[in-house]
C-alpha atoms as a PDB file:
ATOM      1  CA  MET A   1     108.953  50.879  22.736  1.00  0.00           C
ATOM      2  CA  ILE A   2     110.999  48.517  24.029  1.00  0.00           C
ATOM      3  CA  TYR A   3     109.315  45.658  22.782  1.00  0.00           C
ATOM      4  CA  PRO A   4     107.085  46.738  19.551  1.00  0.00           C
ATOM      5  CA  ALA A   5     104.192  44.404  18.086  1.00  0.00           C
ATOM      6  CA  ARG A   6     105.467  42.628  15.435  1.00  0.00           C
ATOM      7  CA  CYS A   7     103.830  40.541  12.502  1.00  0.00           C
ATOM      8  CA  LEU A   8     103.526  36.800  13.501  1.00  0.00           C
ATOM      9  CA  CYS A   9     104.924  35.767   9.994  1.00  0.00           C
ATOM     10  CA  CYS A  10     107.408  38.598   8.466  1.00  0.00           C
ATOM     11  CA  GLY A  11     108.530  40.747  11.675  1.00  0.00           C
ATOM     12  CA  GLU A  12     107.139  43.820  10.793  1.00  0.00           C
ATOM     13  CA  MET A  13     105.768  46.137  12.834  1.00  0.00           C
ATOM     14  CA  VAL A  14     102.001  46.252  13.537  1.00  0.00           C
ATOM     15  CA  GLU A  15      99.671  47.879  15.687  1.00  0.00           C
ATOM     16  CA  SER A  16      98.864  45.248  18.155  1.00  0.00           C
ATOM     17  CA  ASP A  17     100.531  41.879  19.926  1.00  0.00           C
ATOM     18  CA  PHE A  18     100.088  38.625  17.961  1.00  0.00           C
ATOM     19  CA  ALA A  19      98.613  39.812  14.747  1.00  0.00           C
ATOM     20  CA  LEU A  20      99.715  39.926  11.260  1.00  0.00           C
ATOM     21  CA  CYS A  21     100.968  42.826   8.851  1.00  0.00           C
ATOM     22  CA  GLY A  22      98.335  44.046   5.895  1.00  0.00           C
ATOM     23  CA  PRO A  23     100.186  42.176   3.516  1.00  0.00           C
ATOM     24  CA  CYS A  24     100.911  39.017   5.438  1.00  0.00           C
ATOM     25  CA  TRP A  25      97.116  38.889   6.128  1.00  0.00           C
ATOM     26  CA  ARG A  26      95.853  39.226   2.633  1.00  0.00           C
ATOM     27  CA  ASP A  27      98.600  36.329   1.490  1.00  0.00           C
ATOM     28  CA  THR A  28      97.541  33.970   4.088  1.00  0.00           C
ATOM     29  CA  PRO A  29      95.258  31.362   2.642  1.00  0.00           C
ATOM     30  CA  PHE A  30      92.420  31.811   5.498  1.00  0.00           C
ATOM     31  CA  VAL A  31      89.232  29.547   4.817  1.00  0.00           C
ATOM     32  CA  THR A  32      86.734  31.972   3.981  1.00  0.00           C
ATOM     33  CA  GLY A  33      83.493  31.164   2.103  1.00  0.00           C
ATOM     34  CA  LEU A  34      81.969  27.391   1.477  1.00  0.00           C
ATOM     35  CA  ALA A  35      83.768  24.944   3.038  1.00  0.00           C
ATOM     36  CA  CYS A  36      83.064  21.031   4.092  1.00  0.00           C
ATOM     37  CA  ASP A  37      81.182  21.025   7.227  1.00  0.00           C
ATOM     38  CA  ALA A  38      83.078  17.830   8.277  1.00  0.00           C
ATOM     39  CA  CYS A  39      86.808  18.923   7.982  1.00  0.00           C
ATOM     40  CA  GLY A  40      86.790  22.327   7.119  1.00  0.00           C
ATOM     41  CA  ALA A  41      88.278  22.178   3.542  1.00  0.00           C
ATOM     42  CA  PRO A  42      87.836  25.053   1.108  1.00  0.00           C
ATOM     43  CA  MET A  43      84.962  24.049  -1.170  1.00  0.00           C
ATOM     44  CA  MET A  44      84.354  25.680  -4.711  1.00  0.00           C
ATOM     45  CA  GLY A  45      80.878  26.687  -5.762  1.00  0.00           C
ATOM     46  CA  GLN A  46      77.723  28.303  -3.632  1.00  0.00           C
ATOM     47  CA  ALA A  47      76.662  26.862  -0.188  1.00  0.00           C
ATOM     48  CA  GLY A  48      73.073  25.021  -0.432  1.00  0.00           C
ATOM     49  CA  THR A  49      70.580  24.355   1.777  1.00  0.00           C
ATOM     50  CA  GLY A  50      72.409  21.661   3.963  1.00  0.00           C
ATOM     51  CA  PRO A  51      75.981  21.097   5.137  1.00  0.00           C
ATOM     52  CA  GLU A  52      78.315  20.633   2.394  1.00  0.00           C
ATOM     53  CA  ILE A  53      81.041  17.795   2.551  1.00  0.00           C
ATOM     54  CA  CYS A  54      83.804  17.254   0.266  1.00  0.00           C
ATOM     55  CA  ASP A  55      84.767  14.151  -1.884  1.00  0.00           C
ATOM     56  CA  ASP A  56      88.006  13.542   0.748  1.00  0.00           C
ATOM     57  CA  CYS A  57      85.149  13.012   3.749  1.00  0.00           C
ATOM     58  CA  MET A  58      82.444  11.247   1.440  1.00  0.00           C
ATOM     59  CA  THR A  59      84.834   8.879   0.675  1.00  0.00           C
ATOM     60  CA  THR A  60      86.359   8.341   4.332  1.00  0.00           C
ATOM     61  CA  PRO A  61      83.243   9.130   6.097  1.00  0.00           C
ATOM     62  CA  ARG A  62      84.130  10.788   9.503  1.00  0.00           C
ATOM     63  CA  PRO A  63      83.318   9.835  13.536  1.00  0.00           C
ATOM     64  CA  TRP A  64      83.271  12.960  14.535  1.00  0.00           C
ATOM     65  CA  SER A  65      80.160  15.556  13.731  1.00  0.00           C
ATOM     66  CA  ARG A  66      81.794  18.811  12.320  1.00  0.00           C
ATOM     67  CA  GLY A  67      85.332  20.151  11.324  1.00  0.00           C
ATOM     68  CA  ARG A  68      86.401  23.605  11.392  1.00  0.00           C
ATOM     69  CA  ALA A  69      90.045  25.214   9.295  1.00  0.00           C
ATOM     70  CA  VAL A  70      91.232  28.482  10.124  1.00  0.00           C
ATOM     71  CA  PHE A  71      93.886  27.961   7.312  1.00  0.00           C
ATOM     72  CA  GLN A  72      94.805  25.935   3.949  1.00  0.00           C
ATOM     73  CA  TYR A  73      97.818  24.504   4.353  1.00  0.00           C
ATOM     74  CA  ASP A  74      99.920  26.369   1.883  1.00  0.00           C
ATOM     75  CA  GLY A  75     101.827  29.764   1.786  1.00  0.00           C
ATOM     76  CA  ASN A  76     101.906  31.601   4.847  1.00  0.00           C
ATOM     77  CA  ALA A  77      99.515  29.391   6.879  1.00  0.00           C
ATOM     78  CA  ARG A  78     102.380  26.235   6.643  1.00  0.00           C
ATOM     79  CA  ARG A  79     105.136  28.964   7.457  1.00  0.00           C
ATOM     80  CA  LEU A  80     102.997  29.497  10.610  1.00  0.00           C
ATOM     81  CA  VAL A  81     102.301  26.129  11.633  1.00  0.00           C
ATOM     82  CA  LYS A  82     105.875  24.938  11.338  1.00  0.00           C
ATOM     83  CA  ASP A  83     107.495  27.897  12.898  1.00  0.00           C
ATOM     84  CA  LEU A  84     105.028  27.320  15.797  1.00  0.00           C
ATOM     85  CA  LYS A  85     105.997  23.470  15.659  1.00  0.00           C
ATOM     86  CA  HIS A  86     109.453  22.772  15.024  1.00  0.00           C
ATOM     87  CA  GLY A  87     110.656  26.715  15.128  1.00  0.00           C
ATOM     88  CA  ASP A  88     109.668  27.157  19.262  1.00  0.00           C
ATOM     89  CA  ARG A  89     107.282  30.228  18.144  1.00  0.00           C
ATOM     90  CA  GLN A  90     104.849  29.712  20.697  1.00  0.00           C
ATOM     91  CA  ASP A  91     103.593  33.155  20.452  1.00  0.00           C
ATOM     92  CA  ILE A  92     101.992  32.104  17.343  1.00  0.00           C
ATOM     93  CA  ALA A  93      99.598  29.848  19.343  1.00  0.00           C
ATOM     94  CA  ARG A  94      98.066  33.129  20.763  1.00  0.00           C
ATOM     95  CA  GLY A  95      97.571  34.777  17.944  1.00  0.00           C
ATOM     96  CA  ALA A  96      95.804  32.005  16.586  1.00  0.00           C
ATOM     97  CA  GLY A  97      93.623  31.757  19.364  1.00  0.00           C
ATOM     98  CA  PRO A  98      91.190  34.262  18.407  1.00  0.00           C
ATOM     99  CA  TRP A  99      91.300  32.944  14.743  1.00  0.00           C
ATOM    100  CA  LEU A 100      90.193  29.582  15.839  1.00  0.00           C
ATOM    101  CA  ALA A 101      87.418  30.819  17.841  1.00  0.00           C
ATOM    102  CA  ASN A 102      86.135  32.261  15.411  1.00  0.00           C
ATOM    103  CA  ALA A 103      86.217  29.252  12.801  1.00  0.00           C
ATOM    104  CA  GLY A 104      84.616  27.385  15.121  1.00  0.00           C
ATOM    105  CA  ARG A 105      81.679  30.044  16.521  1.00  0.00           C
ATOM    106  CA  ASP A 106      78.943  27.524  15.390  1.00  0.00           C
ATOM    107  CA  LEU A 107      80.493  24.847  17.652  1.00  0.00           C
ATOM    108  CA  TRP A 108      80.085  26.836  20.969  1.00  0.00           C
ATOM    109  CA  GLY A 109      77.075  25.659  22.696  1.00  0.00           C
ATOM    110  CA  THR A 110      76.188  24.330  26.056  1.00  0.00           C
ATOM    111  CA  ASN A 111      78.444  21.670  27.867  1.00  0.00           C
ATOM    112  CA  VAL A 112      81.375  21.708  25.501  1.00  0.00           C
ATOM    113  CA  LEU A 113      84.851  20.801  26.667  1.00  0.00           C
ATOM    114  CA  LEU A 114      88.056  22.053  24.537  1.00  0.00           C
ATOM    115  CA  ALA A 115      90.927  19.239  24.187  1.00  0.00           C
ATOM    116  CA  PRO A 116      94.170  18.847  22.460  1.00  0.00           C
ATOM    117  CA  ILE A 117      95.577  15.662  20.137  1.00  0.00           C
ATOM    118  CA  PRO A 118      97.790  14.371  22.782  1.00  0.00           C
ATOM    119  CA  LEU A 119     101.526  13.736  22.263  1.00  0.00           C
ATOM    120  CA  HIS A 120     103.756  10.312  23.351  1.00  0.00           C
ATOM    121  CA  TRP A 121     105.558  11.331  26.246  1.00  0.00           C
ATOM    122  CA  THR A 122     108.819  11.114  25.009  1.00  0.00           C
ATOM    123  CA  ARG A 123     107.959  13.499  21.961  1.00  0.00           C
ATOM    124  CA  LEU A 124     106.740  16.004  24.587  1.00  0.00           C
ATOM    125  CA  LEU A 125     110.116  15.553  26.568  1.00  0.00           C
ATOM    126  CA  ALA A 126     112.142  15.984  23.324  1.00  0.00           C
ATOM    127  CA  ARG A 127     109.798  19.201  22.203  1.00  0.00           C
ATOM    128  CA  ARG A 128     109.239  20.744  25.551  1.00  0.00           C
ATOM    129  CA  PHE A 129     105.552  21.599  24.521  1.00  0.00           C
ATOM    130  CA  ASN A 130     102.631  20.194  23.101  1.00  0.00           C
ATOM    131  CA  GLN A 131     101.546  22.931  20.137  1.00  0.00           C
ATOM    132  CA  SER A 132      98.133  21.150  20.129  1.00  0.00           C
ATOM    133  CA  ALA A 133      97.835  22.009  23.725  1.00  0.00           C
ATOM    134  CA  LEU A 134      98.775  25.677  23.255  1.00  0.00           C
ATOM    135  CA  LEU A 135      96.274  26.317  20.421  1.00  0.00           C
ATOM    136  CA  SER A 136      93.374  24.972  22.601  1.00  0.00           C
ATOM    137  CA  GLN A 137      94.408  26.926  25.608  1.00  0.00           C
ATOM    138  CA  ALA A 138      94.701  29.968  23.407  1.00  0.00           C
ATOM    139  CA  VAL A 139      90.865  28.855  22.194  1.00  0.00           C
ATOM    140  CA  ALA A 140      90.340  28.691  26.085  1.00  0.00           C
ATOM    141  CA  ARG A 141      91.100  31.733  26.788  1.00  0.00           C
ATOM    142  CA  THR A 142      89.647  33.786  23.898  1.00  0.00           C
ATOM    143  CA  THR A 143      86.188  31.944  24.592  1.00  0.00           C
ATOM    144  CA  GLY A 144      85.917  31.144  27.808  1.00  0.00           C
ATOM    145  CA  LEU A 145      85.466  27.427  27.491  1.00  0.00           C
ATOM    146  CA  PRO A 146      86.629  25.249  29.781  1.00  0.00           C
ATOM    147  CA  HIS A 147      89.492  23.028  28.684  1.00  0.00           C
ATOM    148  CA  CYS A 148      91.281  19.850  29.494  1.00  0.00           C
ATOM    149  CA  PRO A 149      95.143  19.429  27.998  1.00  0.00           C
ATOM    150  CA  ASP A 150      95.569  15.869  29.448  1.00  0.00           C
ATOM    151  CA  LEU A 151      91.917  14.676  28.490  1.00  0.00           C
ATOM    152  CA  LEU A 152      93.377  12.298  26.181  1.00  0.00           C
ATOM    153  CA  ILE A 153      96.954  10.292  26.530  1.00  0.00           C
ATOM    154  CA  ARG A 154      98.989   8.902  23.275  1.00  0.00           C
ATOM    155  CA  PRO A 155      99.807   5.396  25.520  1.00  0.00           C
ATOM    156  CA  VAL A 156     101.620   4.064  22.306  1.00  0.00           C
ATOM    157  CA  ARG A 157     104.431   5.967  20.597  1.00  0.00           C
ATOM    158  CA  THR A 158     103.737   5.539  16.628  1.00  0.00           C
ATOM    159  CA  ALA A 159     106.293   6.403  13.669  1.00  0.00           C
ATOM    160  CA  SER A 160     105.984   9.471  12.303  1.00  0.00           C
ATOM    161  CA  THR A 161     103.238   9.405   9.437  1.00  0.00           C
ATOM    162  CA  ARG A 162     105.126  11.857   6.980  1.00  0.00           C
ATOM    163  CA  GLY A 163     104.835  10.507   3.838  1.00  0.00           C
ATOM    164  CA  LYS A 164     102.767   7.845   4.657  1.00  0.00           C
ATOM    165  CA  GLY A 165      99.516   7.136   2.196  1.00  0.00           C
ATOM    166  CA  ARG A 166      95.965   7.058   3.779  1.00  0.00           C
ATOM    167  CA  GLU A 167      95.566   3.247   4.120  1.00  0.00           C
ATOM    168  CA  ALA A 168      98.906   3.334   6.312  1.00  0.00           C
ATOM    169  CA  ARG A 169      98.408   6.350   8.244  1.00  0.00           C
ATOM    170  CA  PHE A 170      94.778   4.949   9.396  1.00  0.00           C
ATOM    171  CA  ALA A 171      96.191   1.822  10.452  1.00  0.00           C
ATOM    172  CA  GLN A 172      99.563   3.138  12.212  1.00  0.00           C
ATOM    173  CA  LEU A 173      97.046   4.946  14.714  1.00  0.00           C
ATOM    174  CA  GLN A 174      94.383   2.923  15.411  1.00  0.00           C
ATOM    175  CA  GLY A 175      94.046   2.371  19.224  1.00  0.00           C
ATOM    176  CA  ALA A 176      97.073   4.642  19.495  1.00  0.00           C
ATOM    177  CA  ILE A 177      95.003   7.312  21.634  1.00  0.00           C
ATOM    178  CA  ALA A 178      92.842   7.043  24.438  1.00  0.00           C
ATOM    179  CA  ALA A 179      91.170   8.727  27.329  1.00  0.00           C
ATOM    180  CA  HIS A 180      93.196   9.682  30.667  1.00  0.00           C
ATOM    181  CA  PRO A 181      92.109   7.463  32.996  1.00  0.00           C
ATOM    182  CA  LYS A 182      91.687  10.233  35.531  1.00  0.00           C
ATOM    183  CA  ARG A 183      90.058  12.495  33.156  1.00  0.00           C
ATOM    184  CA  LYS A 184      87.716  10.247  31.169  1.00  0.00           C
ATOM    185  CA  GLY A 185      85.098  10.858  33.684  1.00  0.00           C
ATOM    186  CA  GLN A 186      84.995  14.658  32.450  1.00  0.00           C
ATOM    187  CA  MET A 187      83.858  13.394  28.635  1.00  0.00           C
ATOM    188  CA  ALA A 188      80.585  11.554  29.810  1.00  0.00           C
ATOM    189  CA  GLY A 189      77.729  13.285  27.906  1.00  0.00           C
ATOM    190  CA  ARG A 190      79.626  16.144  27.068  1.00  0.00           C
ATOM    191  CA  HIS A 191      80.804  17.977  23.555  1.00  0.00           C
ATOM    192  CA  VAL A 192      83.840  17.067  22.997  1.00  0.00           C
ATOM    193  CA  VAL A 193      86.087  19.735  20.573  1.00  0.00           C
ATOM    194  CA  LEU A 194      89.144  18.653  19.273  1.00  0.00           C
ATOM    195  CA  VAL A 195      92.288  20.956  18.734  1.00  0.00           C
ATOM    196  CA  ASP A 196      95.304  19.966  16.430  1.00  0.00           C
ATOM    197  CA  ASP A 197      97.790  21.911  14.295  1.00  0.00           C
ATOM    198  CA  VAL A 198      97.390  20.431  10.933  1.00  0.00           C
ATOM    199  CA  MET A 199      94.567  17.565   9.804  1.00  0.00           C
ATOM    200  CA  THR A 200      95.830  15.699   6.660  1.00  0.00           C
ATOM    201  CA  THR A 201      93.955  12.621   6.440  1.00  0.00           C
ATOM    202  CA  GLY A 202      91.951  12.855   9.730  1.00  0.00           C
ATOM    203  CA  ALA A 203      93.695   9.341  10.963  1.00  0.00           C
ATOM    204  CA  THR A 204      94.527  11.367  14.269  1.00  0.00           C
ATOM    205  CA  PHE A 205      91.550  12.931  14.599  1.00  0.00           C
ATOM    206  CA  SER A 206      89.528   9.313  14.038  1.00  0.00           C
ATOM    207  CA  ALA A 207      91.658   7.789  16.783  1.00  0.00           C
ATOM    208  CA  ALA A 208      91.128  10.876  19.032  1.00  0.00           C
ATOM    209  CA  THR A 209      87.352  11.169  18.273  1.00  0.00           C
ATOM    210  CA  ASP A 210      86.972   6.929  18.907  1.00  0.00           C
ATOM    211  CA  ALA A 211      88.836   7.618  22.545  1.00  0.00           C
ATOM    212  CA  CYS A 212      86.047  10.177  23.196  1.00  0.00           C
ATOM    213  CA  LEU A 213      83.109   8.278  21.931  1.00  0.00           C
ATOM    214  CA  ALA A 214      84.241   5.179  23.863  1.00  0.00           C
ATOM    215  CA  ALA A 215      84.514   7.243  27.011  1.00  0.00           C
ATOM    216  CA  GLY A 216      81.068   8.539  27.048  1.00  0.00           C
ATOM    217  CA  ALA A 217      81.116  11.633  25.131  1.00  0.00           C
ATOM    218  CA  SER A 218      77.922  12.619  23.552  1.00  0.00           C
ATOM    219  CA  ASP A 219      79.415  14.297  20.623  1.00  0.00           C
ATOM    220  CA  VAL A 220      82.899  15.208  18.701  1.00  0.00           C
ATOM    221  CA  SER A 221      83.783  18.018  16.962  1.00  0.00           C
ATOM    222  CA  VAL A 222      87.260  18.829  15.390  1.00  0.00           C
ATOM    223  CA  LEU A 223      88.790  22.328  15.151  1.00  0.00           C
ATOM    224  CA  VAL A 224      92.341  22.613  13.106  1.00  0.00           C
ATOM    225  CA  LEU A 225      94.637  25.992  12.701  1.00  0.00           C
ATOM    226  CA  ALA A 226      95.406  24.318   9.052  1.00  0.00           C
ATOM    227  CA  ARG A 227      93.852  21.676   6.659  1.00  0.00           C
ATOM    228  CA  VAL A 228      95.845  20.213   4.162  1.00  0.00           C
ATOM    229  CA  ALA A 229      93.151  20.158   1.078  1.00  0.00           C
ATOM    230  CA  ASN A 230      92.826  16.962  -0.664  1.00  0.00           C
ATOM    231  CA  GLY A 231      95.800  15.046   1.865  1.00  0.00           C
ATOM    232  CA  PRO A 232      97.330  11.811   0.202  1.00  0.00           C
END
């Protein structure tokens, strides 16, 4: 009664904590139906007999095996991601845990290890939290899967990739992510599922995947809250 459950998006009262109200749920672009098997982007048409790959992933082959996304980065989804990342709305990560767990349900198998995309320590100090780590922790809480929040590190502080094209993003992030020296042994022979808030070109996920495979991971998949369809 003192702290009634409210919609994560609009603030209206709802029946359960960390949920969306009916209208906000309806207006949030969840990825349903046919989606790219490599990045989770929604696709037109009907599913065939095998995995479907979008034009973006055909143009830029991915080093990871499979990718899943909860939202298309638009409308309410964009608002939720921005509020989580820049508005100190850590409660959104709690609500996103079940959504991410459901989106990635066919990724869960034996020997899975969840890990977030890392922040450079200076950005972590300024922001006070890593939104990707909050999301991966929420997935671990929902699924019961093992989770290592500092599996990867970002030893190089790169400039913001906002507004940069595909080639510039990939060039800037090459070698910018590495396995934590004290955690790399946890990856040997395991399927690592990397979690982040947004995927645009996939450059960050590519750098993180390369780091995991170099440390001995047997497979890497990616799970993202929102996918920017047809990113620059």
